[in-house]
Amino acid sequence: MSLKKILTILTTTFISFSVFSTEPVPSGYANIKLGMSLDSTKSELQKNPDFGYHGDRDVSLIPGSNRILIETDATKGLGSNFLNKCWFQFSDDTLYTITININPDKMDYYSIFTTLIEKYGEPSSLNSTSATWKDENYTMSLEKPLTLKYIDNKKFDSLQNYNKVPLSGTETTRQMFLDAL
């Protein structure tokens, strides 16, 4: 068999394997998964020093809503130092977004990007600032300079739609008064 035929067979096999061996879009990082409760997330954060979670002082209520935010600073943690600041957003006690800033001194965009392609296939969308993998349940994006985001699509969409509810008559009148000031 000629070298050209062998290379063609190997290339075809590799491409076929790459296309059919991808995993679904992940629901989170390490043991922190979208959909977890606040208490479960706190518990998992305490078990993993890479996040730099320091307990309830890292938890805050977002004003005017039923939303909670955990902000961790992994640069002060005892873990691997691959992570910087991380944010975990909750609505109605359900984790719906995870934002992980990765330490650019320890990791690079290209290494993460190529690893994600190997695991999850080609991104759903790609531009000069980000690569996004999306399915019906979750969105994962790798953004420059070096941020990973995980989003629960259904929960996020429901919160977006809630924010689009038209103002009531009283709210409209109030806004008109404020606008006239």
N, C-alpha and C. Protein backbone atom coordinates (compact mmCIF):
# COMPACT_ATOMS: atom_id res chain seq x y z
N MET A 1 0.85 -1.17 0.00
CA MET A 1 0.00 0.00 0.00
C MET A 1 0.90 1.24 0.00
N SER A 2 0.52 2.23 -0.75
CA SER A 2 1.34 3.43 -0.87
C SER A 2 1.18 4.32 0.37
N LEU A 3 2.16 5.16 0.58
CA LEU A 3 2.15 6.09 1.69
C LEU A 3 0.95 7.03 1.60
N LYS A 4 0.59 7.43 0.39
CA LYS A 4 -0.54 8.33 0.20
C LYS A 4 -1.85 7.68 0.66
N LYS A 5 -2.04 6.38 0.32
CA LYS A 5 -3.26 5.67 0.73
C LYS A 5 -3.30 5.51 2.24
N ILE A 6 -2.15 5.21 2.85
CA ILE A 6 -2.10 5.05 4.31
C ILE A 6 -2.46 6.37 5.00
N LEU A 7 -1.89 7.46 4.52
CA LEU A 7 -2.20 8.77 5.10
C LEU A 7 -3.67 9.12 4.92
N THR A 8 -4.24 8.81 3.77
CA THR A 8 -5.66 9.07 3.52
C THR A 8 -6.53 8.28 4.49
N ILE A 9 -6.22 7.02 4.69
CA ILE A 9 -6.99 6.17 5.61
C ILE A 9 -6.86 6.69 7.04
N LEU A 10 -5.66 7.03 7.46
CA LEU A 10 -5.44 7.54 8.81
C LEU A 10 -6.17 8.87 9.03
N THR A 11 -6.10 9.75 8.05
CA THR A 11 -6.78 11.04 8.16
C THR A 11 -8.29 10.85 8.24
N THR A 12 -8.85 10.00 7.39
CA THR A 12 -10.28 9.73 7.41
C THR A 12 -10.70 9.12 8.74
N THR A 13 -9.92 8.19 9.23
CA THR A 13 -10.22 7.55 10.52
C THR A 13 -10.18 8.58 11.64
N PHE A 14 -9.15 9.44 11.65
CA PHE A 14 -9.02 10.46 12.68
C PHE A 14 -10.20 11.42 12.64
N ILE A 15 -10.56 11.89 11.44
CA ILE A 15 -11.68 12.82 11.31
C ILE A 15 -12.98 12.15 11.77
N SER A 16 -13.21 10.92 11.37
CA SER A 16 -14.42 10.21 11.77
C SER A 16 -14.45 10.04 13.28
N PHE A 17 -13.32 9.68 13.87
CA PHE A 17 -13.25 9.49 15.31
C PHE A 17 -13.51 10.81 16.03
N SER A 18 -12.95 11.91 15.52
CA SER A 18 -13.13 13.22 16.14
C SER A 18 -14.58 13.66 16.09
N VAL A 19 -15.24 13.42 14.98
CA VAL A 19 -16.62 13.86 14.82
C VAL A 19 -17.56 13.06 15.73
N PHE A 20 -17.35 11.77 15.87
CA PHE A 20 -18.28 10.93 16.60
C PHE A 20 -17.89 10.67 18.06
N SER A 21 -16.74 11.17 18.50
CA SER A 21 -16.32 10.88 19.86
C SER A 21 -16.51 12.06 20.81
N THR A 22 -17.23 13.08 20.40
CA THR A 22 -17.39 14.25 21.25
C THR A 22 -18.40 13.98 22.36
N GLU A 23 -18.14 14.64 23.47
CA GLU A 23 -19.02 14.55 24.63
C GLU A 23 -20.04 15.68 24.56
N PRO A 24 -21.14 15.55 25.32
CA PRO A 24 -22.10 16.67 25.37
C PRO A 24 -21.48 17.88 26.07
N VAL A 25 -22.08 19.04 25.86
CA VAL A 25 -21.60 20.25 26.52
C VAL A 25 -21.67 20.03 28.03
N PRO A 26 -20.59 20.33 28.75
CA PRO A 26 -20.58 20.05 30.19
C PRO A 26 -21.49 20.99 30.98
N SER A 27 -21.91 20.53 32.13
CA SER A 27 -22.79 21.32 32.99
C SER A 27 -22.02 22.05 34.08
N GLY A 28 -20.70 22.06 33.99
CA GLY A 28 -19.92 22.77 35.00
C GLY A 28 -18.49 22.31 35.01
N TYR A 29 -17.77 22.78 36.02
CA TYR A 29 -16.35 22.50 36.15
C TYR A 29 -16.09 21.76 37.46
N ALA A 30 -15.23 20.74 37.40
CA ALA A 30 -14.90 19.92 38.56
C ALA A 30 -16.21 19.35 39.12
N ASN A 31 -16.44 19.48 40.42
CA ASN A 31 -17.67 18.95 41.02
C ASN A 31 -18.74 20.01 41.18
N ILE A 32 -18.53 21.17 40.59
CA ILE A 32 -19.53 22.24 40.65
C ILE A 32 -20.34 22.18 39.36
N LYS A 33 -21.62 21.86 39.50
CA LYS A 33 -22.49 21.67 38.33
C LYS A 33 -23.68 22.62 38.38
N LEU A 34 -24.06 23.12 37.21
CA LEU A 34 -25.25 23.94 37.10
C LEU A 34 -26.45 23.17 37.63
N GLY A 35 -27.37 23.87 38.28
CA GLY A 35 -28.54 23.23 38.85
C GLY A 35 -28.38 22.86 40.31
N MET A 36 -27.15 22.95 40.83
CA MET A 36 -26.92 22.64 42.25
C MET A 36 -27.55 23.70 43.13
N SER A 37 -27.85 23.31 44.36
CA SER A 37 -28.37 24.27 45.34
C SER A 37 -27.21 25.10 45.90
N LEU A 38 -27.54 26.17 46.58
CA LEU A 38 -26.53 27.03 47.19
C LEU A 38 -25.71 26.23 48.21
N ASP A 39 -26.38 25.48 49.07
CA ASP A 39 -25.66 24.71 50.10
C ASP A 39 -24.76 23.63 49.49
N SER A 40 -25.24 22.95 48.46
CA SER A 40 -24.42 21.93 47.80
C SER A 40 -23.19 22.56 47.15
N THR A 41 -23.37 23.72 46.53
CA THR A 41 -22.26 24.41 45.89
C THR A 41 -21.23 24.84 46.93
N LYS A 42 -21.70 25.43 48.05
CA LYS A 42 -20.78 25.82 49.12
C LYS A 42 -19.98 24.61 49.60
N SER A 43 -20.65 23.51 49.78
CA SER A 43 -20.00 22.29 50.26
C SER A 43 -18.91 21.83 49.30
N GLU A 44 -19.21 21.83 48.00
CA GLU A 44 -18.22 21.42 47.00
C GLU A 44 -17.06 22.41 46.90
N LEU A 45 -17.37 23.70 47.04
CA LEU A 45 -16.32 24.71 47.01
C LEU A 45 -15.36 24.54 48.18
N GLN A 46 -15.89 24.19 49.34
CA GLN A 46 -15.05 23.98 50.51
C GLN A 46 -14.13 22.78 50.34
N LYS A 47 -14.57 21.79 49.60
CA LYS A 47 -13.76 20.58 49.38
C LYS A 47 -12.64 20.79 48.38
N ASN A 48 -12.74 21.82 47.53
CA ASN A 48 -11.78 22.03 46.47
C ASN A 48 -11.01 23.35 46.69
N PRO A 49 -9.78 23.27 47.20
CA PRO A 49 -9.04 24.50 47.48
C PRO A 49 -8.65 25.31 46.24
N ASP A 50 -8.77 24.73 45.04
CA ASP A 50 -8.43 25.46 43.82
C ASP A 50 -9.27 26.72 43.63
N PHE A 51 -10.49 26.72 44.16
CA PHE A 51 -11.38 27.87 43.99
C PHE A 51 -11.08 29.01 44.95
N GLY A 52 -10.44 28.73 46.07
CA GLY A 52 -10.14 29.78 47.06
C GLY A 52 -11.37 30.25 47.80
N TYR A 53 -12.33 29.37 48.03
CA TYR A 53 -13.56 29.72 48.75
C TYR A 53 -13.25 29.86 50.23
N HIS A 54 -13.72 30.97 50.83
CA HIS A 54 -13.42 31.25 52.24
C HIS A 54 -14.66 31.22 53.11
N GLY A 55 -15.74 30.65 52.64
CA GLY A 55 -16.96 30.55 53.45
C GLY A 55 -17.96 31.63 53.12
N ASP A 56 -18.90 31.83 54.04
CA ASP A 56 -20.03 32.72 53.80
C ASP A 56 -19.65 34.17 53.51
N ARG A 57 -18.44 34.59 53.87
CA ARG A 57 -18.06 35.97 53.55
C ARG A 57 -17.90 36.18 52.04
N ASP A 58 -17.83 35.08 51.26
CA ASP A 58 -17.74 35.17 49.81
C ASP A 58 -19.12 35.20 49.14
N VAL A 59 -20.19 35.14 49.95
CA VAL A 59 -21.56 35.05 49.43
C VAL A 59 -22.26 36.39 49.63
N SER A 60 -22.95 36.85 48.58
CA SER A 60 -23.71 38.10 48.73
C SER A 60 -25.04 38.00 48.00
N LEU A 61 -26.00 38.75 48.49
CA LEU A 61 -27.32 38.82 47.88
C LEU A 61 -27.30 39.97 46.89
N ILE A 62 -27.77 39.70 45.67
CA ILE A 62 -27.84 40.75 44.66
C ILE A 62 -29.07 41.60 44.97
N PRO A 63 -28.89 42.91 45.20
CA PRO A 63 -30.01 43.77 45.61
C PRO A 63 -31.19 43.71 44.65
N GLY A 64 -32.40 43.73 45.24
CA GLY A 64 -33.62 43.82 44.45
C GLY A 64 -34.01 42.55 43.74
N SER A 65 -33.46 41.41 44.14
CA SER A 65 -33.82 40.18 43.45
C SER A 65 -33.68 38.99 44.39
N ASN A 66 -34.10 37.87 43.91
CA ASN A 66 -33.96 36.62 44.66
C ASN A 66 -32.72 35.90 44.14
N ARG A 67 -31.64 36.66 43.95
CA ARG A 67 -30.43 36.10 43.38
C ARG A 67 -29.27 36.23 44.36
N ILE A 68 -28.42 35.23 44.34
CA ILE A 68 -27.26 35.20 45.21
C ILE A 68 -26.02 34.99 44.36
N LEU A 69 -24.92 35.60 44.77
CA LEU A 69 -23.67 35.49 44.07
C LEU A 69 -22.59 35.03 45.04
N ILE A 70 -21.82 34.03 44.64
CA ILE A 70 -20.62 33.64 45.37
C ILE A 70 -19.45 34.10 44.51
N GLU A 71 -18.56 34.87 45.13
CA GLU A 71 -17.34 35.30 44.44
C GLU A 71 -16.16 34.73 45.20
N THR A 72 -15.32 33.99 44.51
CA THR A 72 -14.14 33.43 45.16
C THR A 72 -12.89 34.04 44.54
N ASP A 73 -11.82 34.04 45.33
CA ASP A 73 -10.54 34.55 44.85
C ASP A 73 -9.51 33.45 45.02
N ALA A 74 -9.29 32.71 43.96
CA ALA A 74 -8.40 31.55 44.02
C ALA A 74 -6.93 31.94 44.13
N THR A 75 -6.61 33.21 43.88
CA THR A 75 -5.21 33.63 44.00
C THR A 75 -4.75 33.57 45.45
N LYS A 76 -5.69 33.54 46.38
CA LYS A 76 -5.36 33.46 47.80
C LYS A 76 -5.59 32.06 48.35
N GLY A 77 -5.93 31.13 47.48
CA GLY A 77 -6.21 29.76 47.91
C GLY A 77 -4.95 28.93 48.04
N LEU A 78 -5.14 27.70 48.39
CA LEU A 78 -4.02 26.77 48.57
C LEU A 78 -3.96 25.76 47.44
N GLY A 79 -4.71 25.99 46.40
CA GLY A 79 -4.81 25.02 45.31
C GLY A 79 -3.74 25.15 44.26
N SER A 80 -4.08 24.78 43.06
CA SER A 80 -3.12 24.67 41.96
C SER A 80 -2.70 26.00 41.34
N ASN A 81 -3.37 27.08 41.67
CA ASN A 81 -3.10 28.40 41.10
C ASN A 81 -3.45 28.51 39.62
N PHE A 82 -4.25 27.60 39.08
CA PHE A 82 -4.69 27.72 37.70
C PHE A 82 -5.87 28.68 37.59
N LEU A 83 -6.55 28.92 38.70
CA LEU A 83 -7.74 29.77 38.69
C LEU A 83 -7.45 31.11 39.35
N ASN A 84 -8.18 32.14 38.91
CA ASN A 84 -8.15 33.45 39.57
C ASN A 84 -9.50 33.63 40.25
N LYS A 85 -10.20 34.71 39.96
CA LYS A 85 -11.52 34.93 40.54
C LYS A 85 -12.57 34.10 39.82
N CYS A 86 -13.54 33.63 40.58
CA CYS A 86 -14.65 32.83 40.03
C CYS A 86 -15.96 33.36 40.61
N TRP A 87 -17.03 33.28 39.80
CA TRP A 87 -18.34 33.71 40.24
C TRP A 87 -19.35 32.60 40.00
N PHE A 88 -20.26 32.43 40.95
CA PHE A 88 -21.31 31.43 40.89
C PHE A 88 -22.62 32.14 41.19
N GLN A 89 -23.52 32.20 40.20
CA GLN A 89 -24.77 32.94 40.34
C GLN A 89 -25.93 31.98 40.55
N PHE A 90 -26.80 32.35 41.48
CA PHE A 90 -27.96 31.54 41.85
C PHE A 90 -29.22 32.36 41.69
N SER A 91 -30.28 31.69 41.31
CA SER A 91 -31.62 32.27 41.33
C SER A 91 -32.53 31.20 41.90
N ASP A 92 -33.33 31.58 42.89
CA ASP A 92 -34.22 30.63 43.55
C ASP A 92 -33.45 29.39 44.02
N ASP A 93 -32.28 29.61 44.63
CA ASP A 93 -31.43 28.56 45.20
C ASP A 93 -30.91 27.57 44.16
N THR A 94 -30.82 27.99 42.90
CA THR A 94 -30.33 27.12 41.84
C THR A 94 -29.16 27.80 41.12
N LEU A 95 -28.04 27.11 41.03
CA LEU A 95 -26.86 27.62 40.33
C LEU A 95 -27.15 27.63 38.84
N TYR A 96 -27.07 28.83 38.21
CA TYR A 96 -27.39 28.90 36.79
C TYR A 96 -26.26 29.46 35.93
N THR A 97 -25.25 30.10 36.52
CA THR A 97 -24.07 30.48 35.75
C THR A 97 -22.82 30.30 36.60
N ILE A 98 -21.77 29.89 35.94
CA ILE A 98 -20.45 29.75 36.55
C ILE A 98 -19.48 30.52 35.65
N THR A 99 -18.69 31.40 36.25
CA THR A 99 -17.67 32.15 35.51
C THR A 99 -16.34 31.89 36.18
N ILE A 100 -15.40 31.37 35.41
CA ILE A 100 -14.09 31.01 35.95
C ILE A 100 -13.01 31.76 35.18
N ASN A 101 -12.28 32.61 35.87
CA ASN A 101 -11.14 33.29 35.27
C ASN A 101 -9.90 32.45 35.53
N ILE A 102 -9.19 32.14 34.47
CA ILE A 102 -8.03 31.26 34.54
C ILE A 102 -6.76 32.10 34.56
N ASN A 103 -5.81 31.67 35.35
CA ASN A 103 -4.55 32.37 35.53
C ASN A 103 -3.72 32.29 34.24
N PRO A 104 -3.52 33.42 33.55
CA PRO A 104 -2.77 33.40 32.28
C PRO A 104 -1.28 33.11 32.46
N ASP A 105 -0.79 33.20 33.69
CA ASP A 105 0.61 32.84 33.94
C ASP A 105 0.81 31.33 34.00
N LYS A 106 -0.28 30.59 34.21
CA LYS A 106 -0.20 29.13 34.33
C LYS A 106 -0.79 28.38 33.15
N MET A 107 -1.65 29.07 32.37
CA MET A 107 -2.36 28.40 31.28
C MET A 107 -2.53 29.39 30.14
N ASP A 108 -2.76 28.85 28.93
CA ASP A 108 -2.95 29.73 27.77
C ASP A 108 -4.25 29.37 27.05
N TYR A 109 -4.75 30.34 26.30
CA TYR A 109 -6.01 30.19 25.57
C TYR A 109 -5.96 29.01 24.61
N TYR A 110 -4.90 28.92 23.84
CA TYR A 110 -4.80 27.88 22.82
C TYR A 110 -4.86 26.48 23.41
N SER A 111 -4.21 26.25 24.53
CA SER A 111 -4.23 24.92 25.16
C SER A 111 -5.64 24.53 25.58
N ILE A 112 -6.35 25.48 26.17
CA ILE A 112 -7.72 25.20 26.58
C ILE A 112 -8.61 25.02 25.36
N PHE A 113 -8.47 25.90 24.38
CA PHE A 113 -9.29 25.83 23.16
C PHE A 113 -9.13 24.48 22.47
N THR A 114 -7.89 24.02 22.27
CA THR A 114 -7.68 22.74 21.57
C THR A 114 -8.19 21.56 22.40
N THR A 115 -8.06 21.64 23.72
CA THR A 115 -8.59 20.58 24.58
C THR A 115 -10.10 20.51 24.49
N LEU A 116 -10.76 21.67 24.49
CA LEU A 116 -12.22 21.70 24.39
C LEU A 116 -12.69 21.16 23.04
N ILE A 117 -11.98 21.47 21.97
CA ILE A 117 -12.34 20.92 20.66
C ILE A 117 -12.18 19.40 20.66
N GLU A 118 -11.12 18.89 21.24
CA GLU A 118 -10.92 17.44 21.30
C GLU A 118 -12.04 16.75 22.07
N LYS A 119 -12.51 17.38 23.17
CA LYS A 119 -13.54 16.77 24.01
C LYS A 119 -14.95 16.99 23.48
N TYR A 120 -15.23 18.21 22.99
CA TYR A 120 -16.62 18.58 22.68
C TYR A 120 -16.88 18.89 21.22
N GLY A 121 -15.86 18.74 20.38
CA GLY A 121 -16.03 19.00 18.96
C GLY A 121 -15.87 20.48 18.64
N GLU A 122 -16.17 20.82 17.42
CA GLU A 122 -16.05 22.21 16.97
C GLU A 122 -17.07 23.08 17.70
N PRO A 123 -16.72 24.32 18.02
CA PRO A 123 -17.66 25.20 18.70
C PRO A 123 -18.86 25.54 17.83
N SER A 124 -19.97 25.84 18.49
CA SER A 124 -21.19 26.28 17.80
C SER A 124 -20.98 27.63 17.14
N SER A 125 -20.21 28.47 17.82
CA SER A 125 -19.85 29.77 17.23
C SER A 125 -18.43 30.11 17.65
N LEU A 126 -17.78 30.85 16.76
CA LEU A 126 -16.38 31.20 16.96
C LEU A 126 -16.13 32.57 16.38
N ASN A 127 -15.50 33.44 17.17
CA ASN A 127 -15.08 34.74 16.65
C ASN A 127 -13.75 35.11 17.30
N SER A 128 -13.30 36.31 17.09
CA SER A 128 -11.96 36.68 17.56
C SER A 128 -11.86 36.81 19.07
N THR A 129 -12.99 36.87 19.76
CA THR A 129 -12.94 37.02 21.22
C THR A 129 -13.45 35.83 22.00
N SER A 130 -14.14 34.88 21.34
CA SER A 130 -14.67 33.74 22.09
C SER A 130 -15.02 32.56 21.20
N ALA A 131 -15.08 31.41 21.85
CA ALA A 131 -15.57 30.18 21.23
C ALA A 131 -16.69 29.67 22.13
N THR A 132 -17.81 29.27 21.53
CA THR A 132 -18.98 28.85 22.30
C THR A 132 -19.46 27.49 21.84
N TRP A 133 -19.71 26.61 22.82
CA TRP A 133 -20.31 25.30 22.58
C TRP A 133 -21.68 25.37 23.23
N LYS A 134 -22.71 24.94 22.49
CA LYS A 134 -24.07 25.06 23.00
C LYS A 134 -24.90 23.88 22.58
N ASP A 135 -25.73 23.41 23.51
CA ASP A 135 -26.76 22.43 23.17
C ASP A 135 -28.06 22.91 23.81
N GLU A 136 -29.08 22.08 23.85
CA GLU A 136 -30.37 22.53 24.35
C GLU A 136 -30.35 22.82 25.85
N ASN A 137 -29.39 22.26 26.60
CA ASN A 137 -29.36 22.45 28.04
C ASN A 137 -28.34 23.48 28.52
N TYR A 138 -27.14 23.43 27.95
CA TYR A 138 -26.04 24.23 28.49
C TYR A 138 -25.27 24.97 27.40
N THR A 139 -24.66 26.07 27.82
CA THR A 139 -23.72 26.80 26.98
C THR A 139 -22.41 26.89 27.74
N MET A 140 -21.32 26.61 27.03
CA MET A 140 -19.99 26.79 27.59
C MET A 140 -19.24 27.69 26.63
N SER A 141 -18.63 28.74 27.17
CA SER A 141 -17.86 29.62 26.30
C SER A 141 -16.47 29.84 26.88
N LEU A 142 -15.52 29.92 26.00
CA LEU A 142 -14.15 30.26 26.33
C LEU A 142 -13.92 31.65 25.75
N GLU A 143 -13.67 32.60 26.63
CA GLU A 143 -13.53 34.00 26.20
C GLU A 143 -12.12 34.50 26.46
N LYS A 144 -11.68 35.38 25.58
CA LYS A 144 -10.36 35.97 25.75
C LYS A 144 -10.46 37.12 26.74
N PRO A 145 -9.48 37.36 27.60
CA PRO A 145 -8.19 36.70 27.53
C PRO A 145 -8.22 35.26 28.04
N LEU A 146 -8.93 34.93 29.13
CA LEU A 146 -8.94 33.55 29.58
C LEU A 146 -10.03 33.30 30.61
N THR A 147 -11.28 33.24 30.13
CA THR A 147 -12.44 33.03 31.00
C THR A 147 -13.29 31.90 30.44
N LEU A 148 -13.71 30.99 31.33
CA LEU A 148 -14.65 29.93 30.98
C LEU A 148 -15.98 30.25 31.62
N LYS A 149 -17.05 30.16 30.85
CA LYS A 149 -18.40 30.39 31.38
C LYS A 149 -19.27 29.18 31.09
N TYR A 150 -20.08 28.83 32.07
CA TYR A 150 -21.06 27.76 31.93
C TYR A 150 -22.42 28.36 32.26
N ILE A 151 -23.41 28.12 31.40
CA ILE A 151 -24.73 28.72 31.58
C ILE A 151 -25.80 27.65 31.42
N ASP A 152 -26.76 27.63 32.35
CA ASP A 152 -27.95 26.80 32.23
C ASP A 152 -28.91 27.56 31.32
N ASN A 153 -29.08 27.10 30.09
CA ASN A 153 -29.85 27.83 29.09
C ASN A 153 -31.29 28.09 29.51
N LYS A 154 -31.96 27.09 30.05
CA LYS A 154 -33.38 27.24 30.40
C LYS A 154 -33.57 28.25 31.51
N LYS A 155 -32.75 28.15 32.55
CA LYS A 155 -32.86 29.08 33.68
C LYS A 155 -32.50 30.49 33.23
N PHE A 156 -31.43 30.62 32.46
CA PHE A 156 -31.00 31.93 31.98
C PHE A 156 -32.08 32.57 31.10
N ASP A 157 -32.65 31.79 30.18
CA ASP A 157 -33.71 32.31 29.31
C ASP A 157 -34.94 32.74 30.11
N SER A 158 -35.30 31.96 31.13
CA SER A 158 -36.47 32.32 31.93
C SER A 158 -36.21 33.62 32.69
N LEU A 159 -34.98 33.83 33.16
CA LEU A 159 -34.65 35.09 33.84
C LEU A 159 -34.65 36.26 32.86
N GLN A 160 -34.17 36.03 31.64
CA GLN A 160 -34.18 37.07 30.61
C GLN A 160 -35.62 37.44 30.25
N ASN A 161 -36.49 36.44 30.12
CA ASN A 161 -37.89 36.70 29.78
C ASN A 161 -38.61 37.41 30.92
N TYR A 162 -38.25 37.07 32.17
CA TYR A 162 -38.85 37.74 33.33
C TYR A 162 -38.53 39.23 33.30
N ASN A 163 -37.30 39.55 32.91
CA ASN A 163 -36.88 40.95 32.87
C ASN A 163 -37.56 41.71 31.74
N LYS A 164 -38.17 41.02 30.78
CA LYS A 164 -38.83 41.68 29.65
C LYS A 164 -40.31 41.92 29.91
N VAL A 165 -40.79 41.57 31.10
CA VAL A 165 -42.19 41.79 31.43
C VAL A 165 -42.45 43.29 31.41
N PRO A 166 -43.50 43.72 30.71
CA PRO A 166 -43.77 45.15 30.63
C PRO A 166 -44.06 45.74 32.02
N LEU A 167 -43.72 47.01 32.17
CA LEU A 167 -43.98 47.69 33.43
C LEU A 167 -45.48 47.83 33.65
N SER A 168 -45.88 47.78 34.92
CA SER A 168 -47.29 47.99 35.25
C SER A 168 -47.61 49.48 35.07
N GLY A 169 -48.89 49.83 35.16
CA GLY A 169 -49.28 51.23 35.05
C GLY A 169 -48.62 52.09 36.11
N THR A 170 -48.57 51.58 37.34
CA THR A 170 -47.94 52.31 38.44
C THR A 170 -46.45 52.50 38.18
N GLU A 171 -45.79 51.44 37.70
CA GLU A 171 -44.35 51.52 37.41
C GLU A 171 -44.08 52.50 36.27
N THR A 172 -44.94 52.50 35.27
CA THR A 172 -44.78 53.41 34.13
C THR A 172 -44.95 54.85 34.60
N THR A 173 -45.98 55.10 35.40
CA THR A 173 -46.23 56.45 35.93
C THR A 173 -45.06 56.90 36.79
N ARG A 174 -44.55 56.01 37.61
CA ARG A 174 -43.41 56.33 38.47
C ARG A 174 -42.19 56.72 37.59
N GLN A 175 -41.95 55.94 36.55
CA GLN A 175 -40.81 56.22 35.67
C GLN A 175 -41.00 57.55 34.95
N MET A 176 -42.24 57.85 34.55
CA MET A 176 -42.51 59.12 33.88
C MET A 176 -42.21 60.28 34.84
N PHE A 177 -42.58 60.13 36.11
CA PHE A 177 -42.28 61.16 37.11
C PHE A 177 -40.78 61.35 37.24
N LEU A 178 -40.04 60.24 37.34
CA LEU A 178 -38.57 60.30 37.50
C LEU A 178 -37.93 60.92 36.27
N ASP A 179 -38.45 60.59 35.09
CA ASP A 179 -37.89 61.13 33.85
C ASP A 179 -38.08 62.65 33.76
N ALA A 180 -39.17 63.15 34.36
CA ALA A 180 -39.48 64.58 34.30
C ALA A 180 -38.62 65.41 35.27
N LEU A 181 -37.92 64.78 36.17
CA LEU A 181 -37.10 65.51 37.15
C LEU A 181 -35.95 66.23 36.51
